[in-house]
Protein backbone atom coordinates (compact mmCIF):
# COMPACT_ATOMS: atom_id res chain seq x y z
CA MET A 1 42.14 -40.01 99.89
CA TYR A 2 38.65 -40.89 100.98
CA PHE A 3 36.44 -37.41 101.43
CA PRO A 4 39.82 -36.64 103.18
CA TRP A 5 41.13 -33.22 105.59
CA VAL A 6 40.64 -29.54 104.36
CA GLY A 7 44.36 -29.62 103.81
CA MET A 8 44.37 -31.76 101.12
CA PHE A 9 42.20 -28.73 99.86
CA GLU A 10 44.07 -26.23 100.32
CA GLN A 11 46.73 -27.87 98.25
CA TRP A 12 44.50 -28.11 95.01
CA ARG A 13 43.47 -24.90 95.62
CA LEU A 14 47.57 -23.84 95.08
CA ALA A 15 47.97 -26.31 92.37
CA ASP A 16 47.31 -25.78 88.44
CA ASP A 17 47.61 -29.56 87.76
CA PHE A 18 46.64 -31.66 90.77
CA VAL A 19 48.54 -35.59 90.56
CA PHE A 20 46.57 -38.07 92.25
CA PHE A 21 49.16 -41.11 92.64
CA ASP A 22 47.20 -44.22 91.88
CA ASP A 23 50.19 -46.02 90.55
CA VAL A 24 52.03 -46.48 93.72
CA GLN A 25 52.16 -49.55 96.68
CA PHE A 26 48.82 -49.38 98.98
CA ALA A 27 50.15 -48.52 102.44
CA ARG A 28 47.54 -48.40 105.76
CA GLY A 29 47.01 -44.84 106.70
CA PHE A 30 44.20 -42.11 105.19
CA ILE A 31 44.03 -43.43 101.48
CA ASN A 32 40.28 -45.17 101.96
CA ARG A 33 39.78 -43.52 105.67
CA VAL A 34 39.35 -40.90 106.87
CA GLN A 35 37.90 -39.57 110.82
CA TYR A 36 34.84 -38.00 111.71
CA LYS A 37 33.65 -36.42 114.94
CA THR A 38 31.91 -37.83 117.45
CA PRO A 39 30.45 -36.82 121.10
CA ASN A 40 33.89 -39.36 122.74
CA GLY A 41 35.98 -37.88 119.96
CA SER A 42 36.86 -38.92 116.54
CA ALA A 43 35.97 -42.07 115.04
CA TRP A 44 36.99 -43.36 111.67
CA LEU A 45 35.29 -44.12 108.22
CA THR A 46 36.50 -46.87 106.43
CA VAL A 47 36.76 -48.49 102.72
CA PRO A 48 36.65 -52.24 102.77
CA LEU A 49 38.80 -53.47 100.58
CA ARG A 50 39.37 -56.75 98.31
CA GLN A 51 42.42 -59.10 100.39
CA HIS A 52 45.42 -58.24 97.58
CA SER A 53 49.13 -58.55 97.78
CA ARG A 54 51.59 -56.53 100.00
CA ASP A 55 53.20 -54.70 97.35
CA ALA A 56 49.47 -53.93 95.64
CA ARG A 57 49.49 -50.58 93.93
CA ILE A 58 46.56 -48.12 94.95
CA CYS A 59 44.92 -48.61 91.36
CA ASP A 60 44.88 -52.36 91.45
CA LEU A 61 43.17 -52.27 94.66
CA GLU A 62 38.57 -53.31 95.16
CA CYS A 63 36.01 -51.70 97.72
CA VAL A 64 34.07 -54.76 98.28
CA GLU A 65 30.29 -54.60 97.66
CA ASP A 66 28.56 -57.17 99.55
CA SER A 67 28.80 -55.43 102.52
CA GLY A 68 26.95 -52.70 102.72
CA TRP A 69 29.42 -50.02 104.02
CA ARG A 70 28.22 -47.21 101.30
CA ASP A 71 24.84 -47.01 102.74
CA LYS A 72 25.97 -47.81 106.67
CA HIS A 73 28.26 -44.78 105.94
CA LEU A 74 25.74 -42.07 104.57
CA ARG A 75 23.51 -43.46 107.93
CA THR A 76 26.86 -42.55 110.05
CA LEU A 77 27.62 -39.18 108.24
CA ALA A 78 23.93 -38.30 108.66
CA LEU A 79 24.26 -38.89 112.60
CA ALA A 80 27.46 -37.33 113.22
CA LEU A 81 26.70 -34.34 111.20
CA ALA A 82 22.69 -33.93 112.36
CA GLY A 83 21.79 -30.41 113.60
CA ALA A 84 24.81 -29.00 111.91
CA PRO A 85 23.40 -26.23 109.05
CA HIS A 86 24.16 -27.12 105.88
CA LEU A 87 24.22 -31.32 106.63
CA GLN A 88 22.27 -31.92 103.41
CA ASP A 89 24.80 -30.37 101.10
CA ALA A 90 27.36 -32.90 103.02
CA LEU A 91 24.89 -35.41 102.45
CA GLY A 92 24.26 -34.66 99.20
CA LEU A 93 27.88 -34.84 98.26
CA ALA A 94 28.45 -37.67 99.49
CA GLU A 95 25.34 -39.33 98.43
CA SER A 96 26.29 -38.27 94.47
CA VAL A 97 29.70 -40.49 94.61
CA LEU A 98 28.55 -43.28 97.05
CA LEU A 99 25.58 -43.86 95.38
CA ARG A 100 27.13 -44.65 92.39
CA ARG A 101 28.27 -48.73 92.05
CA ASP A 102 29.64 -47.77 88.72
CA LEU A 103 32.98 -45.93 90.72
CA GLY A 104 35.75 -48.75 91.71
CA PHE A 105 38.18 -48.04 94.29
CA CYS A 106 40.42 -45.24 92.66
CA GLU A 107 37.58 -43.35 90.67
CA LEU A 108 35.34 -42.73 93.93
CA LEU A 109 38.28 -41.24 95.76
CA ILE A 110 39.02 -39.02 92.91
CA GLU A 111 35.40 -38.31 92.53
CA GLY A 112 34.88 -37.43 96.16
CA MET A 113 37.42 -34.82 95.73
CA GLN A 114 36.38 -33.39 92.79
CA VAL A 115 32.87 -32.99 93.45
CA VAL A 116 33.87 -31.02 97.48
CA ALA A 117 36.55 -29.08 94.69
CA ASP A 118 33.83 -28.10 92.72
CA TYR A 119 31.45 -26.98 95.40
CA PHE A 120 33.69 -24.88 96.70
CA GLY A 121 34.70 -23.45 93.59
CA LEU A 122 38.11 -25.02 93.42
CA LEU A 123 37.50 -26.65 90.27
CA GLN A 124 37.78 -23.78 87.54
CA GLY A 125 41.36 -23.66 85.62
CA LYS A 126 42.51 -26.87 87.25
CA ARG A 127 43.74 -30.12 86.32
CA LEU A 128 43.86 -33.48 88.14
CA HIS A 129 45.48 -36.44 86.82
CA ARG A 130 46.56 -39.62 87.66
CA SER A 131 49.97 -41.07 87.66
CA SER A 132 49.23 -44.11 86.47
CA GLN A 133 48.14 -42.46 82.82
CA LEU A 134 50.94 -40.52 82.86
CA ALA A 135 54.06 -42.70 81.92
CA VAL A 136 56.61 -41.39 83.76
CA THR A 137 59.12 -43.82 85.83
CA GLY A 138 61.31 -43.93 89.04
CA ARG A 139 60.80 -43.79 92.40
CA LYS A 140 60.35 -40.97 95.68
CA SER A 141 62.72 -37.70 94.11
CA ASP A 142 62.88 -39.36 90.58
CA LEU A 143 59.52 -39.92 90.01
CA ILE A 144 57.98 -36.35 91.71
CA GLN A 145 60.36 -34.54 89.18
CA GLY A 146 59.53 -36.32 85.78
CA LEU A 147 55.74 -36.00 86.78
CA VAL A 148 56.18 -32.45 87.20
CA SER A 149 58.65 -31.75 84.22
CA ARG A 150 56.30 -34.09 82.21
CA LEU A 151 53.74 -31.66 83.18
CA GLY A 152 55.89 -28.82 82.25
CA GLY A 153 55.78 -27.45 86.38
CA ASP A 154 58.01 -25.36 87.77
CA ARG A 155 56.52 -25.34 90.92
CA TYR A 156 55.95 -28.40 93.32
CA VAL A 157 53.88 -28.30 96.22
CA THR A 158 53.85 -30.96 98.37
CA GLY A 159 53.32 -31.16 102.58
CA MET A 160 55.96 -32.29 105.08
CA GLY A 161 56.31 -35.71 104.36
CA ALA A 162 58.02 -35.89 101.21
CA LEU A 163 60.83 -33.20 103.10
CA SER A 164 62.53 -36.65 103.93
CA TYR A 165 63.14 -37.79 101.07
CA LEU A 166 62.81 -35.55 97.94
CA ASN A 167 66.45 -34.45 95.86
CA HIS A 168 65.34 -30.64 96.32
CA ALA A 169 68.84 -29.13 94.89
CA ALA A 170 68.08 -31.36 91.73
CA MET A 171 64.98 -30.49 91.69
CA GLU A 172 66.01 -26.63 91.68
CA GLN A 173 68.66 -27.70 88.88
CA ALA A 174 65.69 -29.03 86.45
CA GLY A 175 64.17 -25.52 87.65
CA ILE A 176 60.99 -26.55 89.84
CA LYS A 177 60.50 -25.21 93.05
CA VAL A 178 59.84 -27.09 95.86
CA CYS A 179 57.52 -25.95 98.24
CA TYR A 180 56.15 -26.87 101.07
CA MET A 181 52.13 -26.63 103.14
CA ASP A 182 52.31 -24.24 105.46
CA TYR A 183 49.07 -25.26 106.99
CA ARG A 184 46.47 -23.07 109.20
CA LYS A 185 44.28 -25.12 110.07
CA ARG A 186 41.62 -22.06 110.56
CA GLU A 187 39.32 -23.01 113.60
CA TYR A 188 35.20 -23.47 111.84
CA PRO A 189 31.99 -23.78 114.12
CA GLN A 190 32.54 -27.33 114.69
CA LYS A 191 30.30 -29.89 116.77
CA PHE A 192 31.57 -32.01 120.12
CA PRO A 193 34.16 -29.79 120.77
CA PRO A 194 37.41 -29.30 121.32
CA PHE A 195 37.75 -28.34 117.63
CA THR A 196 40.01 -30.61 114.86
CA PRO A 197 40.85 -29.75 111.44
CA TYR A 198 42.22 -33.63 111.01
CA VAL A 199 38.36 -34.73 110.13
CA THR A 200 36.60 -35.26 106.59
CA VAL A 201 35.97 -32.32 105.10
CA LEU A 202 32.05 -33.39 104.81
CA ASP A 203 32.35 -31.72 108.16
CA LEU A 204 33.26 -28.29 107.02
CA VAL A 205 30.97 -28.32 104.66
CA ALA A 206 28.11 -29.31 107.05
CA ASN A 207 28.80 -26.84 109.18
CA CYS A 208 29.80 -23.51 106.97
CA GLY A 209 28.37 -24.26 103.70
CA ARG A 210 30.21 -22.73 100.48
CA ASP A 211 31.83 -20.34 103.19
CA GLY A 212 33.47 -23.32 104.19
CA ARG A 213 35.80 -21.73 101.04
CA PHE A 214 37.57 -18.67 102.83
CA PHE A 215 38.78 -21.73 105.80
CA ILE A 216 40.48 -22.88 102.81
CA ASP A 217 43.66 -20.44 102.93
CA SER A 218 46.80 -21.77 103.68
CA ASP A 219 50.12 -20.73 102.12
CA VAL A 220 53.61 -22.04 101.77
CA THR A 221 56.75 -22.27 102.80
CA HIS A 222 60.12 -22.52 100.18
CA TRP A 223 62.22 -26.12 101.23
CA ARG A 224 64.80 -24.07 102.83
CA GLN A 225 62.75 -22.18 105.84
CA ALA A 226 60.86 -25.99 105.87
CA LEU A 227 64.17 -27.52 106.35
CA ALA A 228 65.61 -25.42 108.80
CA ALA A 229 62.54 -25.46 110.95
CA ARG A 230 62.52 -29.18 111.00
CA ASP A 231 66.09 -29.19 111.77
CA GLN A 232 65.10 -26.74 115.07
CA VAL A 233 62.85 -29.20 116.38
């Protein structure tokens, strides 16, 4: 994901191994874009991609490099975050990634997450992997189980979207405990109220600096509790 929302870093904080799923089919959504705040609500920053087939994997995608989008994104962020107390920190992180023309699409996404995680002190003791380099096959739940086993893990932390396809019983039999994120969505000082947590993490950096790490404190819930809560809705 492209300088994603704070919730992605909450998962990072709770994990020993973070797997970037780059060999799965690209789907329109949040992979190559992220929201930022404006006086008129949220708007989008989108990484333009070269034309690709419908079944292209994320790792097969390439950025369009002749449209000036990198400089435009930096100007947009500078304007949107103007006046924030730690604006230069946020722009410095963005520039350290966007000014590197040697980074392909996947590398750009991963580097963007790593520099922010490092800024907040979340890198120590963590290992980042690309699923394409782990040589695990399968689909959906079988793929997840294989990846966790491949890394020697005994717990899988994920977002609620996986609740509909994970085979929790099979994973438990394999010795893997499945936990779902219980996002607190902590409110921090933010321009252009009302507050929304669903914007780029650079917003947190610009407004709170390194103290933003204190807002990255969500926990998890066991899959049975998550399933029960969903069924009550």
